[in-house]
Amino acid sequence: MITKLLEDPETIDAFTKTNQARLAESYTLAADTLRGLNIPYLPAQGGHFLWVDLRQYIPQSFAASAAAGEREIEYKLWHAMLDEGHFDDDTEE
């Protein structure tokens, strides 16, 4: 079934156009929301990922209890966001 789908150029073209439109819409929504909330971010460069600077939202309690350093603070913030139902990829390049 997948092979047939992938062999059909019209289906692939339609899927690609729909996917690109949805990604562009999602990116625009995210960028507009961040701008509206005055949250600094680096725009995407050829992809749909944003680098968001959330330092202003790190509670002092995280910073005070994170003797291990910056990475520990980021980890605590990431877990706090997960606990609230937000996901962000914590992967480092």
N, C-alpha and C. Protein backbone atom coordinates (compact mmCIF):
# COMPACT_ATOMS: atom_id res chain seq x y z
N MET A 1 0.82 -1.19 0.00
CA MET A 1 0.00 0.00 0.00
C MET A 1 0.87 1.26 0.00
N ILE A 2 1.88 1.30 0.87
CA ILE A 2 2.76 2.46 0.92
C ILE A 2 3.54 2.60 -0.39
N THR A 3 3.98 1.48 -0.94
CA THR A 3 4.72 1.51 -2.19
C THR A 3 3.87 2.13 -3.29
N LYS A 4 2.62 1.71 -3.40
CA LYS A 4 1.73 2.29 -4.42
C LYS A 4 1.56 3.79 -4.21
N LEU A 5 1.40 4.17 -2.97
CA LEU A 5 1.24 5.58 -2.65
C LEU A 5 2.47 6.37 -3.06
N LEU A 6 3.64 5.85 -2.74
CA LEU A 6 4.89 6.54 -3.06
C LEU A 6 5.19 6.56 -4.56
N GLU A 7 4.62 5.63 -5.30
CA GLU A 7 4.86 5.58 -6.74
C GLU A 7 3.96 6.53 -7.52
N ASP A 8 2.97 7.11 -6.87
CA ASP A 8 2.02 7.99 -7.55
C ASP A 8 2.49 9.44 -7.42
N PRO A 9 3.03 10.03 -8.51
CA PRO A 9 3.56 11.39 -8.44
C PRO A 9 2.51 12.44 -8.05
N GLU A 10 1.27 12.25 -8.47
CA GLU A 10 0.23 13.22 -8.13
C GLU A 10 -0.05 13.21 -6.63
N THR A 11 -0.07 12.03 -6.04
CA THR A 11 -0.30 11.92 -4.60
C THR A 11 0.85 12.55 -3.83
N ILE A 12 2.07 12.28 -4.27
CA ILE A 12 3.24 12.85 -3.61
C ILE A 12 3.23 14.36 -3.72
N ASP A 13 2.92 14.89 -4.91
CA ASP A 13 2.86 16.34 -5.10
C ASP A 13 1.80 16.97 -4.20
N ALA A 14 0.63 16.36 -4.14
CA ALA A 14 -0.46 16.89 -3.31
C ALA A 14 -0.07 16.85 -1.83
N PHE A 15 0.51 15.73 -1.42
CA PHE A 15 0.94 15.60 -0.03
C PHE A 15 1.99 16.65 0.32
N THR A 16 2.97 16.82 -0.57
CA THR A 16 4.05 17.77 -0.32
C THR A 16 3.51 19.19 -0.20
N LYS A 17 2.63 19.58 -1.11
CA LYS A 17 2.05 20.93 -1.07
C LYS A 17 1.24 21.15 0.21
N THR A 18 0.43 20.17 0.56
CA THR A 18 -0.37 20.28 1.78
C THR A 18 0.52 20.35 3.01
N ASN A 19 1.53 19.50 3.06
CA ASN A 19 2.45 19.48 4.20
C ASN A 19 3.20 20.81 4.32
N GLN A 20 3.69 21.34 3.21
CA GLN A 20 4.41 22.61 3.24
C GLN A 20 3.50 23.75 3.71
N ALA A 21 2.26 23.75 3.26
CA ALA A 21 1.31 24.79 3.67
C ALA A 21 1.02 24.70 5.17
N ARG A 22 0.85 23.50 5.66
CA ARG A 22 0.58 23.33 7.10
C ARG A 22 1.78 23.73 7.95
N LEU A 23 2.98 23.36 7.50
CA LEU A 23 4.18 23.75 8.23
C LEU A 23 4.34 25.27 8.25
N ALA A 24 4.10 25.92 7.11
CA ALA A 24 4.21 27.38 7.04
C ALA A 24 3.19 28.04 7.96
N GLU A 25 1.98 27.52 7.98
CA GLU A 25 0.93 28.06 8.85
C GLU A 25 1.31 27.91 10.32
N SER A 26 1.81 26.75 10.68
CA SER A 26 2.21 26.50 12.08
C SER A 26 3.39 27.38 12.48
N TYR A 27 4.35 27.53 11.57
CA TYR A 27 5.50 28.37 11.85
C TYR A 27 5.06 29.82 12.07
N THR A 28 4.20 30.31 11.18
CA THR A 28 3.71 31.68 11.29
C THR A 28 2.98 31.89 12.61
N LEU A 29 2.14 30.95 12.99
CA LEU A 29 1.42 31.03 14.25
C LEU A 29 2.39 31.08 15.43
N ALA A 30 3.39 30.22 15.42
CA ALA A 30 4.37 30.19 16.51
C ALA A 30 5.16 31.50 16.58
N ALA A 31 5.65 31.97 15.44
CA ALA A 31 6.44 33.20 15.40
C ALA A 31 5.59 34.40 15.82
N ASP A 32 4.37 34.48 15.33
CA ASP A 32 3.47 35.58 15.71
C ASP A 32 3.17 35.57 17.20
N THR A 33 2.96 34.38 17.75
CA THR A 33 2.67 34.25 19.18
C THR A 33 3.88 34.70 20.01
N LEU A 34 5.06 34.25 19.63
CA LEU A 34 6.27 34.64 20.36
C LEU A 34 6.49 36.14 20.29
N ARG A 35 6.31 36.73 19.10
CA ARG A 35 6.45 38.18 18.95
C ARG A 35 5.43 38.91 19.82
N GLY A 36 4.19 38.42 19.80
CA GLY A 36 3.12 39.05 20.57
C GLY A 36 3.37 39.00 22.07
N LEU A 37 4.08 37.98 22.52
CA LEU A 37 4.40 37.83 23.94
C LEU A 37 5.78 38.40 24.30
N ASN A 38 6.44 39.02 23.31
CA ASN A 38 7.78 39.58 23.49
C ASN A 38 8.77 38.53 24.00
N ILE A 39 8.68 37.33 23.46
CA ILE A 39 9.62 36.27 23.80
C ILE A 39 10.66 36.20 22.69
N PRO A 40 11.93 36.42 23.02
CA PRO A 40 12.96 36.38 21.99
C PRO A 40 13.11 34.99 21.37
N TYR A 41 13.36 34.99 20.07
CA TYR A 41 13.59 33.72 19.36
C TYR A 41 14.43 33.99 18.13
N LEU A 42 15.08 32.95 17.65
CA LEU A 42 15.81 33.04 16.38
C LEU A 42 14.93 32.41 15.31
N PRO A 43 14.68 33.12 14.23
CA PRO A 43 13.83 32.57 13.17
C PRO A 43 14.44 31.34 12.52
N ALA A 44 13.58 30.56 11.93
CA ALA A 44 14.03 29.36 11.22
C ALA A 44 14.88 29.75 10.02
N GLN A 45 15.84 28.92 9.71
CA GLN A 45 16.72 29.13 8.56
C GLN A 45 16.60 27.92 7.64
N GLY A 46 15.58 27.89 6.83
CA GLY A 46 15.40 26.80 5.88
C GLY A 46 14.66 25.61 6.45
N GLY A 47 14.21 25.70 7.67
CA GLY A 47 13.44 24.63 8.29
C GLY A 47 12.27 25.23 9.05
N HIS A 48 11.69 24.46 9.93
CA HIS A 48 10.55 24.99 10.68
C HIS A 48 10.80 25.03 12.18
N PHE A 49 12.06 24.95 12.59
CA PHE A 49 12.39 24.97 14.01
C PHE A 49 12.74 26.38 14.45
N LEU A 50 12.33 26.73 15.65
CA LEU A 50 12.66 28.02 16.25
C LEU A 50 13.52 27.79 17.48
N TRP A 51 14.51 28.63 17.68
CA TRP A 51 15.26 28.63 18.92
C TRP A 51 14.63 29.71 19.79
N VAL A 52 14.07 29.32 20.92
CA VAL A 52 13.35 30.24 21.79
C VAL A 52 14.18 30.50 23.04
N ASP A 53 14.31 31.78 23.39
CA ASP A 53 15.06 32.18 24.58
C ASP A 53 14.09 32.36 25.74
N LEU A 54 14.05 31.39 26.65
CA LEU A 54 13.12 31.43 27.78
C LEU A 54 13.80 31.79 29.10
N ARG A 55 14.99 32.36 29.02
CA ARG A 55 15.72 32.67 30.26
C ARG A 55 14.93 33.57 31.20
N GLN A 56 14.15 34.51 30.62
CA GLN A 56 13.41 35.43 31.48
C GLN A 56 12.31 34.73 32.28
N TYR A 57 11.98 33.49 31.91
CA TYR A 57 10.93 32.76 32.60
C TYR A 57 11.44 31.70 33.57
N ILE A 58 12.75 31.63 33.74
CA ILE A 58 13.31 30.64 34.66
C ILE A 58 13.15 31.18 36.08
N PRO A 59 12.37 30.48 36.90
CA PRO A 59 12.18 30.94 38.28
C PRO A 59 13.49 30.99 39.05
N GLN A 60 13.60 31.94 39.94
CA GLN A 60 14.81 32.06 40.77
C GLN A 60 15.05 30.79 41.57
N SER A 61 13.98 30.11 41.94
CA SER A 61 14.15 28.87 42.72
C SER A 61 14.91 27.81 41.92
N PHE A 62 14.73 27.80 40.59
CA PHE A 62 15.47 26.86 39.75
C PHE A 62 16.95 27.23 39.77
N ALA A 63 17.22 28.52 39.57
CA ALA A 63 18.60 28.98 39.51
C ALA A 63 19.31 28.76 40.84
N ALA A 64 18.60 29.01 41.93
CA ALA A 64 19.21 28.87 43.25
C ALA A 64 19.49 27.42 43.60
N SER A 65 18.64 26.51 43.13
CA SER A 65 18.81 25.10 43.51
C SER A 65 19.64 24.31 42.50
N ALA A 66 20.06 24.94 41.44
CA ALA A 66 20.78 24.22 40.39
C ALA A 66 22.28 24.47 40.49
N ALA A 67 22.89 23.91 41.48
CA ALA A 67 24.33 24.10 41.68
C ALA A 67 25.13 23.47 40.55
N ALA A 68 24.52 22.54 39.80
CA ALA A 68 25.23 21.85 38.73
C ALA A 68 25.45 22.75 37.51
N GLY A 69 24.76 23.88 37.44
CA GLY A 69 25.01 24.81 36.35
C GLY A 69 23.84 25.00 35.41
N GLU A 70 24.15 25.65 34.29
CA GLU A 70 23.15 26.06 33.32
C GLU A 70 22.34 24.89 32.77
N ARG A 71 23.00 23.81 32.46
CA ARG A 71 22.30 22.66 31.88
C ARG A 71 21.25 22.12 32.86
N GLU A 72 21.56 22.12 34.13
CA GLU A 72 20.62 21.66 35.15
C GLU A 72 19.40 22.58 35.21
N ILE A 73 19.63 23.88 35.09
CA ILE A 73 18.52 24.84 35.08
C ILE A 73 17.62 24.59 33.88
N GLU A 74 18.23 24.40 32.71
CA GLU A 74 17.46 24.11 31.49
C GLU A 74 16.64 22.83 31.67
N TYR A 75 17.24 21.83 32.28
CA TYR A 75 16.57 20.55 32.50
C TYR A 75 15.36 20.73 33.42
N LYS A 76 15.51 21.52 34.48
CA LYS A 76 14.40 21.78 35.40
C LYS A 76 13.27 22.52 34.68
N LEU A 77 13.62 23.52 33.87
CA LEU A 77 12.60 24.26 33.13
C LEU A 77 11.88 23.33 32.15
N TRP A 78 12.63 22.49 31.47
CA TRP A 78 12.06 21.55 30.51
C TRP A 78 11.07 20.63 31.20
N HIS A 79 11.44 20.11 32.37
CA HIS A 79 10.54 19.22 33.10
C HIS A 79 9.31 19.97 33.61
N ALA A 80 9.48 21.20 34.04
CA ALA A 80 8.32 21.99 34.48
C ALA A 80 7.35 22.20 33.32
N MET A 81 7.89 22.44 32.12
CA MET A 81 7.03 22.61 30.95
C MET A 81 6.32 21.30 30.61
N LEU A 82 7.04 20.19 30.70
CA LEU A 82 6.42 18.89 30.45
C LEU A 82 5.28 18.63 31.44
N ASP A 83 5.51 18.98 32.70
CA ASP A 83 4.48 18.79 33.72
C ASP A 83 3.22 19.59 33.41
N GLU A 84 3.37 20.70 32.70
CA GLU A 84 2.23 21.54 32.33
C GLU A 84 1.65 21.16 30.97
N GLY A 85 2.21 20.11 30.34
CA GLY A 85 1.67 19.63 29.08
C GLY A 85 2.29 20.26 27.84
N HIS A 86 3.45 20.91 28.00
CA HIS A 86 4.14 21.51 26.86
C HIS A 86 5.36 20.67 26.52
N PHE A 87 5.62 20.51 25.25
CA PHE A 87 6.79 19.74 24.84
C PHE A 87 7.70 20.61 24.01
N ASP A 88 8.97 20.52 24.30
CA ASP A 88 9.98 21.17 23.48
C ASP A 88 11.14 20.20 23.42
N ASP A 89 11.75 20.11 22.27
CA ASP A 89 12.84 19.16 22.09
C ASP A 89 14.08 19.68 22.79
N ASP A 90 14.51 18.97 23.79
CA ASP A 90 15.65 19.36 24.61
C ASP A 90 16.97 18.90 24.00
N THR A 91 16.96 18.49 22.75
CA THR A 91 18.16 17.95 22.13
C THR A 91 19.18 19.05 21.88
N GLU A 92 20.41 18.71 22.10
CA GLU A 92 21.50 19.64 21.87
C GLU A 92 22.28 19.17 20.65
N GLU A 93 22.65 20.10 19.78
CA GLU A 93 23.43 19.71 18.60
C GLU A 93 24.89 19.67 18.92
